[in-house]
Protein backbone atom coordinates (compact mmCIF):
# COMPACT_ATOMS: atom_id res chain seq x y z
CA MET A 1 81.77 72.46 140.86
CA LYS A 2 85.21 72.86 139.37
CA ALA A 3 88.27 72.39 141.54
CA PRO A 4 90.38 75.50 142.18
CA ALA A 5 93.16 74.20 139.92
CA ALA A 6 90.67 73.58 137.10
CA ARG A 7 89.15 77.03 137.54
CA SER A 8 92.64 78.56 137.47
CA ALA A 9 93.52 76.66 134.31
CA LEU A 10 90.30 77.81 132.62
CA ALA A 11 90.95 81.40 133.74
CA LEU A 12 94.44 81.21 132.27
CA THR A 13 93.07 79.82 129.01
CA ALA A 14 90.55 82.67 128.89
CA SER A 15 93.30 85.21 129.56
CA VAL A 16 95.47 83.71 126.84
CA LEU A 17 92.61 83.78 124.33
CA ILE A 18 92.09 87.46 125.08
CA SER A 19 95.79 88.21 124.95
CA MET A 20 96.38 86.31 121.73
CA THR A 21 93.87 88.60 120.02
CA SER A 22 95.14 91.78 121.66
CA GLY A 23 98.80 91.76 120.97
CA CYS A 24 100.59 88.66 122.12
CA PRO A 25 101.80 87.28 119.97
CA SER A 26 101.18 90.14 117.57
CA TYR A 27 100.27 88.41 114.32
CA SER A 28 100.21 91.74 112.53
CA THR A 29 103.36 92.73 110.63
CA MET A 30 102.22 96.26 109.71
CA GLY A 31 105.24 96.80 107.54
CA SER A 32 107.07 96.33 104.29
CA ALA A 33 109.04 93.39 102.95
CA ARG A 34 111.69 95.98 102.02
CA VAL A 35 114.34 96.52 104.70
CA LEU A 36 114.97 100.18 105.55
CA ASP A 37 118.16 101.78 104.26
CA PRO A 38 120.86 102.37 106.90
CA GLY A 39 120.12 105.53 108.89
CA ARG A 40 116.43 105.63 108.02
CA VAL A 41 113.85 105.52 110.86
CA ARG A 42 110.16 104.57 110.59
CA LEU A 43 107.29 105.13 113.06
CA SER A 44 104.21 102.90 112.72
CA PRO A 45 101.18 103.64 114.96
CA ALA A 46 98.16 101.38 114.39
CA LEU A 47 94.69 100.50 115.64
CA SER A 48 93.50 96.90 115.34
CA ILE A 49 90.76 94.60 116.55
CA GLY A 50 90.88 90.82 116.91
CA GLY A 51 88.92 87.81 118.03
CA ALA A 52 89.00 84.07 118.65
CA GLU A 53 86.61 81.62 117.00
CA THR A 54 86.08 78.26 118.72
CA ASP A 55 83.90 75.18 118.15
CA GLN A 56 81.95 75.56 121.38
CA LYS A 57 81.87 79.37 121.56
CA ALA A 58 83.54 79.31 124.98
CA ASP A 59 82.33 81.83 127.53
CA VAL A 60 85.24 84.20 126.89
CA GLU A 61 84.90 87.74 125.59
CA THR A 62 87.64 87.87 122.97
CA LEU A 63 86.68 90.76 120.71
CA GLN A 64 89.26 93.34 121.72
CA PRO A 65 90.64 96.60 120.24
CA GLN A 66 94.32 97.34 120.51
CA LEU A 67 96.48 100.45 120.19
CA GLU A 68 100.04 99.96 118.95
CA LEU A 69 103.15 102.05 118.36
CA GLY A 70 106.21 100.74 116.57
CA VAL A 71 109.59 102.13 115.63
CA SER A 72 112.20 100.57 113.35
CA ALA A 73 115.54 101.62 111.91
CA GLY A 74 117.89 100.49 109.18
CA VAL A 75 121.17 99.43 110.77
CA ILE A 76 123.28 98.08 107.94
CA GLU A 77 122.44 97.00 104.43
CA ASP A 78 119.77 94.27 104.49
CA LEU A 79 119.23 94.51 108.29
CA GLU A 80 116.54 96.40 110.20
CA ILE A 81 115.73 96.30 113.92
CA GLY A 82 112.66 97.56 115.74
CA ALA A 83 110.30 97.44 118.69
CA ARG A 84 106.55 97.70 119.31
CA VAL A 85 104.43 98.45 122.37
CA TRP A 86 100.66 98.03 122.72
CA SER A 87 97.81 98.34 125.17
CA LEU A 88 94.12 97.54 125.38
CA PRO A 89 91.78 100.51 126.01
CA SER A 90 89.32 98.77 128.35
CA THR A 91 87.77 99.39 131.75
CA GLN A 92 87.41 95.63 132.35
CA LEU A 93 90.96 94.51 131.64
CA PHE A 94 94.43 95.95 131.94
CA THR A 95 96.77 94.74 129.24
CA ILE A 96 100.17 95.93 128.13
CA GLY A 97 102.85 94.33 126.04
CA GLY A 98 105.75 94.80 123.70
CA GLN A 99 108.10 93.07 121.33
CA VAL A 100 111.53 93.42 119.79
CA ASN A 101 111.96 92.43 116.18
CA ALA A 102 114.35 92.32 113.29
CA LYS A 103 114.05 92.14 109.52
CA VAL A 104 116.60 90.48 107.26
CA GLN A 105 116.42 90.97 103.49
CA LEU A 106 116.65 87.62 101.72
CA TYR A 107 116.00 88.90 98.22
CA ARG A 108 115.58 92.27 96.54
CA PRO A 109 115.11 93.03 92.83
CA ASP A 110 117.59 95.19 90.94
CA ASN A 111 114.97 97.95 90.78
CA PRO A 112 113.64 98.50 94.35
CA ARG A 113 110.45 100.11 92.98
CA ARG A 114 109.57 97.01 90.94
CA GLY A 115 109.37 93.29 91.47
CA VAL A 116 109.23 91.08 94.57
CA HIS A 117 111.03 91.61 97.89
CA VAL A 118 111.46 88.79 100.43
CA ALA A 119 112.46 89.23 104.09
CA LEU A 120 112.55 87.18 107.28
CA ALA A 121 111.16 89.02 110.34
CA PRO A 122 111.79 87.20 113.67
CA ARG A 123 110.24 88.70 116.82
CA LEU A 124 110.14 88.15 120.58
CA GLY A 125 107.30 89.51 122.72
CA PHE A 126 105.93 89.74 126.26
CA HIS A 127 102.36 90.51 127.29
CA HIS A 128 100.49 90.92 130.58
CA VAL A 129 96.72 90.82 130.99
CA GLY A 130 94.99 91.54 134.29
CA GLY A 131 91.44 91.88 135.53
CA PRO A 132 89.13 90.75 138.33
CA ASP A 133 90.77 87.60 139.75
CA ILE A 134 92.88 87.20 136.59
CA GLY A 135 96.53 87.96 136.02
CA ALA A 136 98.37 86.18 133.22
CA ASN A 137 101.73 86.61 131.51
CA ILE A 138 102.61 85.47 128.01
CA MET A 139 106.00 85.15 126.34
CA SER A 140 105.94 84.63 122.59
CA VAL A 141 108.23 84.12 119.62
CA GLY A 142 107.27 84.42 115.96
CA LEU A 143 108.86 83.92 112.56
CA PRO A 144 107.05 85.59 109.64
CA LEU A 145 108.32 85.39 106.06
CA LEU A 146 107.39 88.63 104.29
CA ILE A 147 106.77 88.59 100.54
CA GLY A 148 106.17 92.04 99.07
CA ILE A 149 104.93 92.67 95.54
CA THR A 150 105.57 96.26 94.44
CA PHE A 151 103.01 98.01 92.25
CA GLY A 152 102.22 101.57 91.23
CA ASP A 153 105.84 102.74 91.57
CA GLN A 154 106.29 102.09 95.32
CA ASN A 155 103.03 100.74 96.74
CA GLU A 156 103.26 97.19 98.04
CA LEU A 157 101.08 94.12 98.60
CA VAL A 158 102.61 92.11 101.47
CA PHE A 159 101.94 88.44 102.28
CA GLY A 160 103.21 87.13 105.62
CA PRO A 161 103.06 83.36 106.22
CA GLN A 162 104.25 82.73 109.77
CA VAL A 163 104.64 80.31 112.68
CA ASN A 164 104.41 81.35 116.33
CA GLY A 165 104.96 79.79 119.73
CA GLN A 166 104.16 80.96 123.23
CA VAL A 167 104.21 80.04 126.90
CA SER A 168 101.64 81.46 129.32
CA TRP A 169 101.59 81.37 133.09
CA MET A 170 99.71 82.63 136.14
CA GLU A 171 99.71 81.87 139.85
CA GLY A 172 97.85 78.68 140.74
CA ALA A 173 97.82 77.14 137.24
CA SER A 174 100.15 75.04 135.14
CA ASP A 175 102.02 76.72 132.31
CA ILE A 176 100.34 76.53 128.90
CA PHE A 177 102.43 76.00 125.77
CA SER A 178 100.86 76.57 122.37
CA LEU A 179 101.77 76.89 118.71
CA SER A 180 100.03 78.65 115.86
CA ALA A 181 100.44 78.97 112.11
CA GLY A 182 98.78 81.22 109.58
CA ALA A 183 99.32 84.26 107.42
CA SER A 184 98.70 87.96 107.11
CA VAL A 185 97.99 90.05 104.05
CA GLY A 186 98.27 93.82 103.86
CA GLY A 187 98.80 96.76 101.57
CA ILE A 188 101.13 99.74 101.81
CA PHE A 189 99.81 102.80 99.99
CA TRP A 190 102.18 105.77 99.89
CA VAL A 191 100.47 109.15 100.04
CA SER A 192 103.81 111.00 99.94
CA ASP A 193 107.50 110.10 100.07
CA CYS A 194 107.36 109.76 103.87
CA PHE A 195 103.74 108.83 104.70
CA ALA A 196 101.79 105.64 103.93
CA ILE A 197 98.48 104.00 104.92
CA VAL A 198 98.61 100.30 105.86
CA PRO A 199 95.47 98.12 106.11
CA GLU A 200 96.12 94.51 107.15
CA ALA A 201 94.34 91.30 108.12
CA SER A 202 95.66 88.05 109.58
CA VAL A 203 94.34 84.64 110.59
CA GLN A 204 95.99 81.88 112.64
CA TYR A 205 95.18 78.32 113.64
CA SER A 206 96.23 77.68 117.25
CA THR A 207 96.86 74.56 119.31
CA LEU A 208 95.45 76.41 122.34
CA ARG A 209 92.20 74.84 123.52
CA ALA A 210 89.36 76.29 125.57
CA GLU A 211 87.17 73.87 127.53
CA GLY A 212 85.33 71.52 125.15
CA ASP A 213 86.83 73.01 121.99
CA ASP A 214 88.46 71.06 119.19
CA MET A 215 89.92 74.07 117.40
CA VAL A 216 90.74 77.73 117.91
CA TRP A 217 91.07 80.21 115.06
CA LEU A 218 92.51 83.64 115.79
CA TRP A 219 91.97 86.67 113.60
CA GLN A 220 93.05 90.30 113.58
CA VAL A 221 92.36 93.27 111.30
CA GLY A 222 93.96 96.67 111.61
CA LEU A 223 94.76 100.01 110.06
CA GLY A 224 98.14 101.64 110.54
CA VAL A 225 100.26 104.41 109.09
CA LEU A 226 103.98 104.69 108.35
CA PHE A 227 106.04 107.82 108.98
CA ASP A 228 109.54 107.77 107.52
CA LEU A 229 112.20 109.92 109.20
CA GLY A 230 115.89 110.43 108.57
CA ARG A 231 117.74 110.51 105.33
């Protein structure tokens, strides 16, 4: 029989695995590599689903849907700030989280409707997951590099290599620190001047370990939309 501390540590690991695939850290970028013009506002609701793949197939249910809502705004030239909130529609678990983020344009072509855009998109997030005998909190930080290739006038293919770090804690267990690295790939398809459809997929390799596992791969796929407001 496992000691209480060991059971608590395993419960925290299970909670973190669930949380890492349902919003914290949010590996999805669901956005463009082009920074918004000053005064322009963008809404970005999305639905995604994610999972964790391990060597031993740990006894943790990690396939989870997630609802998200983001808002971002152009502040000055080459700088955009934003925020996202998310929740997990489940009767078994209660999860809620959010993040603040920024986007800094590192390179833009002379013609914004052609060529390659590059931006750095740091983010800071918090997530809580609760359920029967489980209550975990996760603080995360991420640093994606967004590389957007424009095609078809203003549509965009976006690659997002990234590194992430997080600390997780719950009562009765030691804090867990973990790192992950991976990438996302998505497309932005503009239906009109102010509305776009955004499919995206991401995969990460994490240093987090479930009991008996040598590796943990995290994945997430989603479908979002962009609504542009303002001038």
